[in-house]
Protein backbone atom coordinates (compact mmCIF):
# COMPACT_ATOMS: atom_id res chain seq x y z
CA MET A 1 -208.39 8.39 -125.68
CA ALA A 2 -205.31 7.28 -125.16
CA ASN A 3 -204.24 5.37 -122.27
CA TRP A 4 -200.84 6.44 -119.91
CA GLU A 5 -197.97 4.48 -118.18
CA TYR A 6 -196.48 6.18 -115.46
CA LYS A 7 -192.35 5.68 -114.74
CA VAL A 8 -190.66 7.35 -111.50
CA ILE A 9 -187.10 8.92 -112.91
CA SER A 10 -184.19 9.70 -110.64
CA SER A 11 -180.38 10.39 -110.78
CA GLY A 12 -179.81 8.21 -106.92
CA LYS A 13 -178.31 9.92 -104.35
CA GLY A 14 -174.83 11.23 -105.59
CA GLY A 15 -176.30 12.28 -109.01
CA PHE A 16 -174.56 12.32 -112.39
CA ALA A 17 -170.76 12.96 -113.03
CA SER A 18 -171.49 15.16 -115.72
CA PRO A 19 -173.70 17.16 -117.62
CA ALA A 20 -173.38 14.88 -120.60
CA LEU A 21 -174.48 12.06 -118.83
CA MET A 22 -177.15 13.52 -117.37
CA GLU A 23 -178.01 14.70 -121.06
CA LYS A 24 -177.89 11.45 -122.37
CA PHE A 25 -180.50 9.50 -119.98
CA ILE A 26 -182.99 12.18 -120.76
CA ASN A 27 -182.71 12.13 -124.39
CA ASP A 28 -182.91 7.97 -124.24
CA LEU A 29 -186.55 8.57 -122.08
CA GLY A 30 -187.19 10.73 -124.97
CA GLN A 31 -186.56 8.14 -127.52
CA GLN A 32 -188.58 5.76 -125.49
CA GLN A 33 -191.44 8.18 -125.74
CA TRP A 34 -191.87 8.75 -122.23
CA GLU A 35 -193.12 12.63 -121.41
CA ILE A 36 -191.75 13.88 -118.41
CA ILE A 37 -194.14 15.88 -116.26
CA TYR A 38 -192.37 16.41 -113.15
CA PHE A 39 -188.63 17.22 -112.54
CA GLN A 40 -187.14 18.50 -109.51
CA THR A 41 -183.52 19.33 -108.99
CA ALA A 42 -181.19 18.76 -105.44
CA SER A 43 -180.34 21.92 -103.63
CA ASP A 44 -176.89 21.38 -103.03
CA ASN A 45 -176.62 19.25 -107.00
CA GLN A 46 -177.91 20.16 -109.54
CA LEU A 47 -176.81 16.79 -111.18
CA ALA A 48 -178.81 15.36 -108.95
CA PHE A 49 -182.94 15.35 -109.44
CA ASN A 50 -186.24 13.20 -109.24
CA GLY A 51 -189.16 12.99 -111.42
CA LEU A 52 -192.37 11.54 -112.98
CA ALA A 53 -192.88 10.48 -116.70
CA ARG A 54 -195.42 8.80 -118.59
CA ARG A 55 -196.10 7.61 -121.84
CA PRO A 56 -199.29 6.21 -123.82
CA THR A 57 -199.89 2.77 -124.38
CA GLN A 58 -202.63 2.99 -126.75
CA ARG A 59 -203.09 5.98 -129.35
CA ASP A 60 -205.81 6.95 -131.97
CA TRP A 61 -204.77 6.07 -135.66
CA THR A 62 -203.34 9.42 -137.74
CA LEU A 63 -202.11 9.43 -141.22
CA GLU A 64 -198.80 10.79 -139.55
CA ASP A 65 -198.34 7.76 -137.45
CA ALA A 66 -198.87 5.12 -140.06
CA ALA A 67 -196.38 6.62 -142.33
CA ALA A 68 -193.96 6.86 -139.55
CA ALA A 69 -195.03 2.78 -138.64
CA ALA A 70 -194.52 1.93 -142.66
CA ALA A 71 -191.04 4.00 -142.74
CA ARG A 72 -189.39 2.00 -139.56
CA THR A 73 -190.80 -1.27 -140.95
CA GLU A 74 -188.86 -0.30 -144.83
CA ALA A 75 -185.72 0.91 -142.45
CA ASP A 76 -186.00 -2.44 -140.70
CA LYS A 77 -186.05 -4.63 -143.99
CA LEU A 78 -183.49 -2.57 -145.11
CA ARG A 79 -181.18 -2.83 -142.12
CA ALA A 80 -181.83 -6.60 -142.34
CA GLU A 81 -181.13 -6.95 -145.69
CA PHE A 82 -177.45 -5.31 -145.13
CA GLU A 83 -177.37 -7.51 -142.37
CA ALA A 84 -177.34 -10.45 -144.25
CA LYS A 85 -175.53 -9.26 -147.19
CA PHE A 86 -172.22 -8.34 -144.52
CA LYS A 87 -172.48 -11.74 -142.83
CA ALA A 88 -172.46 -13.76 -146.45
CA ALA A 89 -169.06 -11.33 -147.41
CA THR A 90 -167.54 -11.83 -144.02
CA SER A 91 -168.08 -15.42 -143.54
CA THR A 92 -166.88 -16.74 -146.88
CA PRO A 93 -162.76 -17.13 -146.70
CA ALA A 94 -160.42 -15.70 -149.21
CA PRO A 95 -157.83 -17.74 -150.70
CA GLU A 96 -154.56 -17.36 -149.13
CA GLU A 97 -152.53 -15.83 -152.35
CA ASP A 98 -155.36 -13.29 -153.16
CA LYS A 99 -155.36 -12.33 -149.45
CA ALA A 100 -152.84 -9.85 -149.91
CA GLU A 101 -154.12 -7.92 -153.20
CA THR A 102 -157.89 -7.67 -151.41
CA PHE A 103 -157.02 -6.63 -148.24
CA LEU A 104 -157.10 -2.71 -149.10
CA ALA A 105 -160.12 -2.98 -151.76
CA GLU A 106 -162.19 -4.90 -148.68
CA GLU A 107 -161.37 -2.16 -145.89
CA LYS A 108 -162.33 0.34 -148.72
CA THR A 109 -165.35 -1.32 -149.11
CA THR A 110 -165.86 -1.80 -146.01
CA THR A 111 -165.70 1.62 -145.05
CA ASP A 112 -167.22 3.55 -147.88
CA ASP A 113 -170.45 1.08 -147.38
CA GLY A 114 -171.62 3.92 -144.36
CA LEU A 115 -173.12 1.26 -142.59
CA ARG A 116 -172.14 0.07 -138.96
CA ARG A 117 -171.91 -2.99 -136.68
CA LEU A 118 -175.31 -3.57 -135.54
CA ARG A 119 -175.50 -3.59 -131.67
CA ASP A 120 -178.02 -4.94 -129.30
CA THR A 121 -179.94 -2.48 -127.04
CA SER A 122 -182.44 -4.45 -125.43
CA SER A 123 -180.16 -4.38 -122.25
CA ASP A 124 -178.71 -0.95 -122.24
CA ASP A 125 -181.60 -0.18 -119.23
CA ASP A 126 -180.67 -3.13 -117.24
CA PRO A 127 -177.20 -2.12 -114.86
CA ASP A 128 -176.78 -5.75 -114.19
CA ALA A 129 -176.09 -6.74 -117.98
CA PRO A 130 -172.58 -8.41 -118.94
CA GLU A 131 -170.74 -5.81 -120.96
CA GLU A 132 -170.36 -5.94 -124.72
CA GLU A 133 -166.68 -7.76 -125.60
CA SER A 134 -164.09 -5.11 -126.11
CA THR A 135 -163.39 -6.96 -129.39
CA GLY A 136 -166.75 -5.83 -131.04
CA ARG A 137 -165.58 -2.03 -130.33
CA ASP A 138 -163.94 -0.58 -132.70
CA GLU A 139 -161.30 2.68 -132.33
CA TRP A 140 -164.05 5.42 -132.69
CA ASP A 141 -166.25 3.87 -129.91
CA LYS A 142 -163.47 4.07 -127.25
CA LEU A 143 -162.61 7.65 -127.83
CA ALA A 144 -166.07 8.46 -127.82
CA ALA A 145 -166.38 6.89 -124.68
CA GLU A 146 -163.58 8.59 -123.20
CA ASP A 147 -164.43 11.84 -124.38
CA GLU A 148 -167.90 11.60 -122.12
CA LEU A 149 -166.18 10.91 -118.80
CA PRO A 150 -165.86 13.87 -116.47
CA SER A 151 -162.22 14.52 -115.46
CA PHE A 152 -160.93 13.33 -112.23
CA PHE A 153 -161.48 16.83 -110.65
CA ASP A 154 -165.12 17.28 -112.10
CA ALA A 155 -165.99 13.47 -110.35
CA LEU A 156 -165.00 14.31 -107.47
CA LYS A 157 -167.45 17.35 -106.85
CA PRO A 158 -170.82 15.48 -106.38
CA HIS A 159 -169.43 13.38 -103.53
CA MET A 160 -167.60 16.15 -101.17
CA ARG A 161 -169.22 17.43 -98.34
CA ARG A 162 -168.72 20.41 -96.09
CA ASN A 163 -165.64 20.18 -93.96
CA GLN A 164 -166.63 20.21 -90.57
CA ARG A 165 -162.96 21.73 -89.23
CA GLY A 166 -162.63 24.73 -91.91
CA ALA A 167 -163.43 26.14 -94.81
CA GLY A 168 -164.38 24.30 -98.18
CA MET A 169 -165.48 20.35 -98.69
CA SER A 170 -163.83 17.20 -97.97
CA VAL A 171 -164.30 13.70 -99.04
CA GLY A 172 -162.37 10.25 -98.09
CA VAL A 173 -160.64 7.58 -100.52
CA ASP A 174 -162.24 4.72 -98.77
CA PHE A 175 -165.45 6.48 -99.43
CA LEU A 176 -164.36 7.18 -103.19
CA ALA A 177 -163.20 3.29 -103.52
CA LYS A 178 -166.59 2.13 -102.12
CA LYS A 179 -168.53 4.39 -104.37
CA TRP A 180 -166.81 3.95 -107.55
CA ARG A 181 -166.35 0.22 -107.15
CA LEU A 182 -162.40 0.67 -107.41
CA GLU A 183 -159.50 -0.04 -105.16
CA GLU A 184 -157.86 2.53 -103.47
CA ALA A 185 -154.41 1.98 -104.93
CA ASP A 186 -156.63 2.81 -108.27
CA ILE A 187 -157.54 5.83 -106.67
CA LYS A 188 -153.97 7.04 -105.33
CA SER A 189 -152.35 6.55 -108.39
CA ALA A 190 -154.95 8.73 -110.11
CA LEU A 191 -153.75 11.68 -107.84
CA VAL A 192 -150.56 11.02 -108.26
CA GLU A 193 -151.09 11.57 -112.04
CA CYS A 194 -153.45 14.47 -111.22
CA GLY A 195 -150.41 16.53 -109.52
CA LEU A 196 -151.61 16.04 -106.22
CA GLN A 197 -148.99 14.27 -103.50
CA ILE A 198 -150.30 11.97 -100.60
CA PRO A 199 -148.25 13.16 -97.63
CA ALA A 200 -146.32 10.88 -95.26
CA ASP A 201 -147.97 12.14 -91.57
CA GLU A 202 -150.57 13.86 -90.37
CA ASN A 203 -147.97 16.66 -89.78
CA ALA A 204 -146.26 16.97 -93.46
CA LYS A 205 -146.93 20.13 -95.13
CA PRO A 206 -149.70 19.75 -97.68
CA VAL A 207 -149.41 20.61 -101.45
CA TYR A 208 -151.48 22.49 -103.31
CA VAL A 209 -152.58 21.84 -106.81
CA GLU A 210 -155.41 24.52 -108.82
CA TYR A 211 -158.10 23.34 -111.58
CA ASP A 212 -160.77 25.37 -112.58
CA GLY A 213 -160.04 28.12 -110.20
CA ASP A 214 -160.06 25.81 -107.17
CA LEU A 215 -157.33 24.58 -105.25
CA TYR A 216 -157.02 21.03 -104.45
CA TRP A 217 -154.95 19.01 -101.42
CA VAL A 218 -154.76 15.75 -99.59
CA ASN A 219 -153.93 15.31 -96.40
CA ILE A 220 -153.93 12.06 -94.08
CA ASN A 221 -155.49 12.66 -90.31
CA ARG A 222 -154.51 10.44 -86.87
CA ARG A 223 -156.42 6.87 -88.04
CA GLY A 224 -154.64 7.00 -91.39
CA GLU A 225 -157.09 7.91 -93.42
CA ILE A 226 -155.99 9.90 -96.77
CA TRP A 227 -158.97 12.72 -97.40
CA ILE A 228 -159.31 15.18 -100.56
CA ASN A 229 -159.98 18.63 -99.88
CA THR A 230 -160.64 21.64 -101.86
CA ARG A 231 -161.91 25.18 -101.55
CA GLU A 232 -161.81 28.22 -103.75
CA LYS A 233 -158.11 30.12 -104.78
CA PRO A 234 -158.17 32.81 -102.30
CA GLN A 235 -157.74 36.27 -104.09
CA PRO A 236 -154.88 38.32 -103.85
CA VAL A 237 -155.37 41.87 -102.23
CA PHE A 238 -152.30 43.29 -101.74
CA ARG A 239 -148.91 43.18 -103.04
CA ILE A 240 -145.54 42.55 -101.26
CA VAL A 241 -143.38 45.15 -102.06
CA PRO A 242 -139.92 46.17 -100.03
CA GLY A 243 -139.49 49.41 -98.04
CA LYS A 244 -136.50 51.39 -97.72
CA ARG A 245 -134.51 51.33 -93.99
CA LEU A 246 -133.68 55.00 -92.95
CA THR A 247 -129.78 55.44 -91.15
CA GLU A 248 -129.45 57.00 -87.83
CA GLU A 249 -128.49 60.13 -90.47
CA GLU A 250 -131.77 60.39 -92.05
CA ALA A 251 -134.38 59.56 -89.38
CA PRO A 252 -136.46 62.69 -88.81
CA GLU A 253 -136.56 63.87 -85.35
CA PRO A 254 -139.27 63.01 -82.71
CA ALA A 255 -141.82 65.43 -83.00
CA PRO A 256 -143.01 66.95 -79.24
CA SER A 257 -146.28 65.39 -77.89
CA ALA A 258 -149.27 67.13 -78.54
CA GLN A 259 -150.70 68.73 -75.44
CA PRO A 260 -153.81 66.75 -74.48
CA GLN A 261 -156.98 69.45 -75.45
CA ARG A 262 -159.48 70.35 -72.74
CA ARG A 263 -162.64 69.96 -73.38
CA GLU A 264 -165.16 72.68 -73.47
CA GLU A 265 -166.91 73.99 -70.42
CA SER A 266 -170.22 73.33 -70.86
CA PRO A 267 -172.35 76.28 -69.06
CA ARG A 268 -173.08 75.57 -65.77
CA ARG A 269 -176.08 76.26 -63.71
CA GLU A 270 -176.43 79.37 -61.98
CA GLU A 271 -175.09 78.01 -58.45
CA SER A 272 -177.08 79.92 -55.49
CA PRO A 273 -175.15 82.67 -53.02
CA ARG A 274 -174.66 79.83 -50.34
CA ALA A 275 -172.59 77.75 -52.75
CA ALA A 276 -170.64 80.35 -54.71
CA GLN A 277 -170.04 81.22 -50.73
CA GLN A 278 -168.99 77.73 -49.85
CA SER A 279 -166.97 76.83 -53.43
CA GLN A 280 -164.76 80.36 -52.73
CA GLN A 281 -164.30 79.21 -49.29
CA SER A 282 -163.07 75.38 -50.44
CA ALA A 283 -160.93 76.93 -53.52
CA GLY A 284 -158.96 79.09 -50.82
CA ALA A 285 -158.39 76.31 -48.69
CA ALA A 286 -156.67 74.35 -51.30
CA THR A 287 -154.66 77.22 -52.18
CA GLU A 288 -153.32 78.10 -48.45
CA PRO A 289 -150.39 76.10 -47.83
CA ARG A 290 -150.69 73.34 -45.01
CA PRO A 291 -148.63 72.94 -42.17
CA PRO A 292 -146.09 70.41 -42.57
CA ALA A 293 -146.66 66.64 -40.49
CA GLU A 294 -145.48 66.45 -36.89
CA PRO A 295 -143.17 63.59 -37.01
CA ALA A 296 -144.15 60.86 -34.97
CA SER A 297 -142.84 59.81 -30.80
CA PHE A 298 -141.33 57.07 -29.68
CA LEU A 299 -144.01 56.04 -27.27
CA SER A 300 -146.73 56.25 -30.94
CA LYS A 301 -144.38 53.89 -32.74
CA LEU A 302 -144.28 51.37 -29.96
CA ARG A 303 -148.23 51.72 -30.13
CA GLY A 304 -148.18 50.73 -33.63
CA LEU A 305 -146.35 47.41 -32.72
CA MET A 306 -148.77 46.33 -30.04
CA ARG A 307 -152.28 44.56 -30.62
CA ARG A 308 -155.52 45.17 -28.61
CA ASN A 309 -156.06 43.55 -25.24
CA ARG A 310 -158.24 40.22 -25.64
CA ARG A 311 -160.68 41.33 -22.63
CA GLY A 312 -160.97 44.76 -21.81
CA HIS A 313 -159.93 48.21 -23.62
CA GLY A 314 -155.91 49.27 -24.84
CA TRP A 315 -152.91 47.64 -26.27
CA SER A 316 -150.26 46.03 -25.20
CA GLY A 317 -147.27 43.96 -26.46
CA SER A 318 -144.31 42.24 -25.03
CA PHE A 319 -140.73 43.19 -24.70
CA GLY A 320 -139.53 39.65 -26.07
CA PHE A 321 -140.62 41.02 -29.37
CA LEU A 322 -140.33 44.87 -28.91
CA THR A 323 -136.65 44.23 -28.58
CA LYS A 324 -136.81 41.90 -31.77
CA ALA A 325 -138.93 44.53 -33.68
CA LEU A 326 -136.70 47.39 -32.83
CA LYS A 327 -133.24 45.22 -32.80
CA VAL A 328 -132.15 46.65 -29.58
CA ASP A 329 -131.78 45.12 -25.98
CA GLU A 330 -134.32 45.08 -22.70
CA ALA A 331 -131.74 47.25 -21.40
CA GLY A 332 -131.58 49.57 -23.94
CA LEU A 333 -135.30 49.95 -24.69
CA LEU A 334 -135.74 50.50 -20.90
CA ALA A 335 -133.68 53.31 -21.29
CA GLN A 336 -135.24 54.88 -24.04
CA LEU A 337 -139.02 54.79 -22.20
CA ALA A 338 -137.08 56.31 -19.28
CA ASP A 339 -136.08 58.97 -21.38
CA GLN A 340 -140.06 59.46 -22.19
CA GLY A 341 -140.55 59.29 -18.34
CA LEU A 342 -141.97 55.71 -18.19
CA ARG A 343 -140.24 53.63 -16.07
CA LEU A 344 -141.06 50.24 -14.36
CA GLN A 345 -141.68 49.89 -10.53
CA ALA A 346 -139.04 47.27 -8.61
CA ASP A 347 -141.43 45.85 -6.82
CA GLY A 348 -144.95 44.21 -8.79
CA ASP A 349 -146.99 44.83 -6.39
CA GLN A 350 -146.59 48.77 -6.46
CA LYS A 351 -148.76 50.89 -8.49
CA PRO A 352 -147.48 51.28 -11.85
CA SER A 353 -145.85 54.98 -13.29
CA PHE A 354 -148.35 56.42 -16.00
CA LYS A 355 -147.41 58.40 -18.89
CA GLU A 356 -149.52 60.42 -21.04
CA GLU A 357 -148.89 61.80 -24.08
CA GLY A 358 -151.13 63.39 -26.61
CA GLU A 359 -154.94 61.14 -26.18
CA PHE A 360 -153.29 57.64 -24.96
CA LEU A 361 -152.09 56.58 -21.46
CA TYR A 362 -148.62 54.49 -20.87
CA TRP A 363 -147.28 52.41 -18.41
CA LEU A 364 -145.11 49.29 -17.49
CA ASN A 365 -145.98 46.35 -15.81
CA LYS A 366 -144.68 42.59 -15.18
CA ASN A 367 -146.57 39.27 -15.09
CA GLN A 368 -146.12 36.19 -13.16
CA ARG A 369 -143.02 35.06 -15.01
CA GLY A 370 -141.26 38.25 -15.04
CA GLU A 371 -142.01 39.02 -18.72
CA VAL A 372 -142.20 43.05 -18.87
CA TRP A 373 -144.79 44.40 -20.89
CA ILE A 374 -145.97 47.93 -21.87
CA ASN A 375 -149.81 48.85 -21.98
CA ALA A 376 -151.50 52.03 -23.46
CA ARG A 377 -155.33 53.25 -23.70
CA LYS A 378 -156.86 56.60 -24.13
CA SER A 379 -156.87 58.75 -21.71
CA ARG A 380 -160.16 58.94 -20.18
CA GLY A 381 -159.61 62.78 -18.79
CA PRO A 382 -160.39 63.91 -15.25
CA GLN A 383 -163.69 63.06 -13.66
CA SER A 384 -165.03 63.39 -10.48
CA GLY A 385 -163.97 60.61 -8.06
CA ASP A 386 -160.97 60.12 -10.23
CA GLU A 387 -157.54 61.31 -9.13
CA GLY A 388 -156.20 61.49 -12.63
CA PRO A 389 -153.44 59.48 -14.14
CA ASP A 390 -151.61 58.84 -11.16
CA GLY A 391 -155.30 57.94 -8.79
CA GLY A 392 -155.98 54.68 -7.88
CA ASP A 393 -159.44 54.36 -8.82
CA ASP A 394 -158.94 54.83 -12.36
CA SER A 395 -155.62 53.14 -12.97
CA PRO A 396 -155.54 49.41 -13.91
CA ARG A 397 -154.25 46.81 -11.43
CA MET A 398 -151.62 44.06 -12.92
CA ASP A 399 -154.61 41.35 -12.75
CA GLU A 400 -156.94 42.96 -14.84
CA THR A 401 -154.64 43.52 -17.76
CA PRO A 402 -154.94 41.24 -19.91
CA ALA A 403 -151.29 39.94 -22.39
CA ALA A 404 -152.47 39.83 -25.80
CA ALA A 405 -149.65 38.77 -28.41
CA PRO A 406 -148.74 41.65 -30.36
CA VAL A 407 -149.28 41.73 -34.36
CA ALA A 408 -147.14 40.02 -36.65
CA GLU A 409 -144.13 41.70 -38.14
CA PRO A 410 -141.59 40.16 -40.91
CA THR A 411 -138.60 39.88 -39.22
CA ALA A 412 -139.87 37.84 -35.89
CA ALA A 413 -142.40 36.06 -35.13
CA PRO A 414 -144.61 37.32 -32.17
CA GLU A 415 -144.29 35.30 -28.88
CA PRO A 416 -147.71 34.31 -27.51
CA ALA A 417 -149.01 36.62 -24.94
CA PRO A 418 -148.97 35.24 -21.30
CA MET A 419 -152.19 34.53 -19.58
CA ALA A 420 -152.13 36.40 -15.96
CA GLU A 421 -154.38 34.16 -13.53
CA PRO A 422 -157.78 35.49 -13.05
CA PRO A 423 -158.88 36.46 -9.65
CA LEU A 424 -161.60 33.41 -10.02
CA LEU A 425 -159.30 31.01 -9.95
CA SER A 426 -157.41 32.29 -6.93
CA ALA A 427 -159.37 30.54 -4.18
CA PRO A 428 -160.15 26.70 -4.08
CA GLY A 429 -163.94 27.52 -3.62
CA ASN A 430 -163.71 30.39 -6.53
CA THR A 431 -162.25 27.97 -9.07
CA LEU A 432 -164.87 24.86 -8.54
CA ALA A 433 -167.20 27.05 -8.81
CA ALA A 434 -166.62 28.98 -11.80
CA VAL A 435 -165.69 25.56 -13.85
CA ARG A 436 -168.81 23.89 -12.17
CA LEU A 437 -170.99 26.45 -14.15
CA LEU A 438 -169.57 25.07 -17.72
CA LEU A 439 -169.74 21.53 -17.39
CA GLN A 440 -172.78 19.91 -19.00
CA PRO A 441 -175.24 16.76 -17.89
CA LYS A 442 -173.42 13.18 -18.90
CA LYS A 443 -175.31 10.98 -21.72
CA ARG A 444 -174.75 8.27 -19.41
CA GLY A 445 -174.79 7.88 -15.86
CA GLU A 446 -175.14 10.79 -12.99
CA GLY A 447 -173.55 14.54 -12.60
CA VAL A 448 -172.15 16.61 -15.44
CA ALA A 449 -168.83 16.16 -17.01
CA ALA A 450 -166.66 18.73 -20.02
CA LEU A 451 -163.75 18.42 -21.32
CA VAL A 452 -160.71 20.54 -19.50
CA SER A 453 -159.68 21.87 -22.89
CA GLU A 454 -163.14 22.89 -23.74
CA VAL A 455 -163.56 24.48 -20.48
CA ALA A 456 -160.02 26.26 -20.65
CA ALA A 457 -160.85 27.78 -23.92
CA GLN A 458 -164.36 29.33 -22.50
CA LEU A 459 -162.31 30.88 -19.61
CA GLY A 460 -159.80 32.18 -21.89
CA ARG A 461 -157.02 30.72 -20.21
CA PRO A 462 -154.19 28.23 -21.12
CA GLU A 463 -155.20 24.51 -20.07
CA ASP A 464 -151.87 23.83 -17.95
CA VAL A 465 -153.03 27.22 -15.85
CA LEU A 466 -156.34 25.77 -15.48
CA LEU A 467 -154.92 22.14 -14.30
CA ALA A 468 -152.78 24.21 -11.81
CA ALA A 469 -155.89 25.92 -10.25
CA LEU A 470 -157.50 22.41 -10.13
CA ALA A 471 -154.56 21.13 -8.32
CA GLY A 472 -154.57 23.53 -5.72
CA ALA A 473 -158.17 22.81 -5.11
CA GLY A 474 -157.24 19.25 -4.73
CA VAL A 475 -158.33 18.03 -8.29
CA ASN A 476 -155.16 16.27 -9.52
CA VAL A 477 -155.11 14.89 -13.28
CA PRO A 478 -154.25 10.92 -12.91
CA ALA A 479 -151.44 9.44 -14.29
CA ASP A 480 -153.25 7.13 -16.63
CA ALA A 481 -156.75 5.72 -17.47
CA LYS A 482 -156.67 3.36 -14.78
CA ALA A 483 -154.90 5.62 -11.98
CA LYS A 484 -157.68 6.25 -9.37
CA PRO A 485 -158.26 10.04 -9.39
CA THR A 486 -158.50 12.82 -6.37
CA PHE A 487 -161.44 14.34 -4.85
CA GLY A 488 -162.36 17.95 -4.19
CA GLU A 489 -165.35 18.92 -2.59
CA HIS A 490 -167.54 22.18 -3.16
CA GLY A 491 -171.24 22.86 -2.54
CA GLY A 492 -172.04 19.33 -1.73
CA GLU A 493 -171.02 18.29 -5.03
CA ILE A 494 -167.38 16.36 -5.46
CA PHE A 495 -165.44 16.92 -8.71
CA TRP A 496 -162.44 14.62 -9.88
CA LEU A 497 -160.07 14.85 -13.10
CA ASN A 498 -160.10 11.07 -15.53
CA LYS A 499 -158.10 10.53 -18.31
CA ASN A 500 -159.57 7.95 -21.33
CA ALA A 501 -157.84 6.42 -23.49
CA ARG A 502 -156.90 9.21 -26.01
CA GLY A 503 -155.22 10.78 -23.57
CA GLU A 504 -157.99 13.40 -23.46
CA VAL A 505 -158.60 14.77 -19.88
CA TRP A 506 -162.47 15.37 -18.46
CA LEU A 507 -163.57 17.32 -15.64
CA ASN A 508 -166.79 15.47 -13.77
CA ALA A 509 -168.77 16.54 -10.75
CA LYS A 510 -171.66 15.22 -8.91
CA ALA A 511 -173.38 15.57 -5.54
CA SER A 512 -171.62 14.20 -2.59
CA SER A 513 -173.30 11.28 -0.72
CA ALA A 514 -174.07 13.37 2.20
CA THR A 515 -176.13 15.77 0.13
CA ARG A 516 -178.05 12.57 -0.93
CA LYS A 517 -178.62 11.12 1.89
CA ALA A 518 -179.61 14.37 3.15
CA ARG A 519 -182.60 15.21 0.13
CA GLY A 520 -183.46 11.03 0.38
CA ARG A 521 -184.10 11.70 4.40
CA LYS A 522 -186.14 15.86 3.50
CA GLY A 523 -188.43 13.56 0.84
CA ALA A 524 -188.87 11.02 3.77
CA GLU A 525 -190.17 13.92 6.18
CA GLU A 526 -191.82 15.63 3.34
CA ASP A 527 -194.08 12.87 2.41
CA ALA A 528 -194.55 11.84 6.17
CA HIS A 529 -195.92 14.88 6.20
CA ALA A 530 -198.19 15.04 3.45
């Protein structure tokens, strides 16, 4: 039985540059009596493979093996004899006078003997072995070596990778220089010799070169790196042919637009008699002509410019805003309202005159600052105990009519609505009693307090109106934070205003000293009785 030795064979990560090199590698394995028992190529490169080979280290004797060994021995002897004769012939120098005469004869003898110069093959598998001197190689060896080399475009393909930004494949010149152990200048010169053009910058238009049905071009990126790209040549799908443009006389008339085809009505379900009657009534109502809409009156036009009251029902609008919106003066607006039967009472204490139109009731009034306002609300109709529109029980009073700013209009900005003083703030006792309910206990110290602006917002009145009411109750705003406050008394408590460093006005209240003493005496009496 023979013993086997095994060897792992591989083409390397990049594979061979051409099929001829791969075939030569496999033939060399066969000459060295290696048998390939496993061979697998890469999926993306047919010239890259991995495998396993074996060969015997000891064989059984056979007649064929003995004859082959004898033949090899005889060939080695003949080769040694011819080598010795060749060395002897070349080592003996010829006379100078006969050199020219025997040159052709020696050349003929050298070429006709059929022998080639012996070459050492022991270091063929060693990649680090020094190359043979070029002086020892003839011209035929050089031509054979050049024919075995692949073309520049074929040598690029094993090193190209899929382009991440677009179709095709690409490879960098710096990568090729490292892989082929060449200078980048040599690769650039090879690009130019193959017809490719290196662009000056990244915005330059590429120059395409076709080779074996593929397109090749060179581009440069922002970092100055040069890349070689390739992709399949696109197949033409059409041919450009110029058309003939028609003149205005030759142009045909435009065809009439086609009428939209109606969909075929699907068969309807049988309707009930009631549904059929309703459909007939709706169709008859649709065919009957509708009466024309009545034009809007002057008062309804004014009602569209009013805004809803913040408190209570109805709408209101100031003459200052309405005169700007209608572009008339106050006298002209009063004259137009007088034509509609709506007049302003000379005395503000008198009951206003009302004008009823449709389902709305209109009247005019004047506030404390002398501003004229027009008001409107829906008419309630005659009820038991009412005197109608002119009665006193159902007519609004001036102090119950809240003034509100009208809706915003594009030509003029609406004026702020005036606030009429409520009956709650008409008397000092009512004022202090009303604000006392809105004060909160202090976090530090005794009593309750609140910001005047917050109290005014809760009452729905401006801050200056509230301060004026408090001044009427004897509680005045101090000039600064160090000024001594004035006090007002109501319900056993004293009230005063103070101003802090930020200019905020606070309303304060606490039990008076007499009230505290009375509470102390009452508590002592209760303790004594207990």
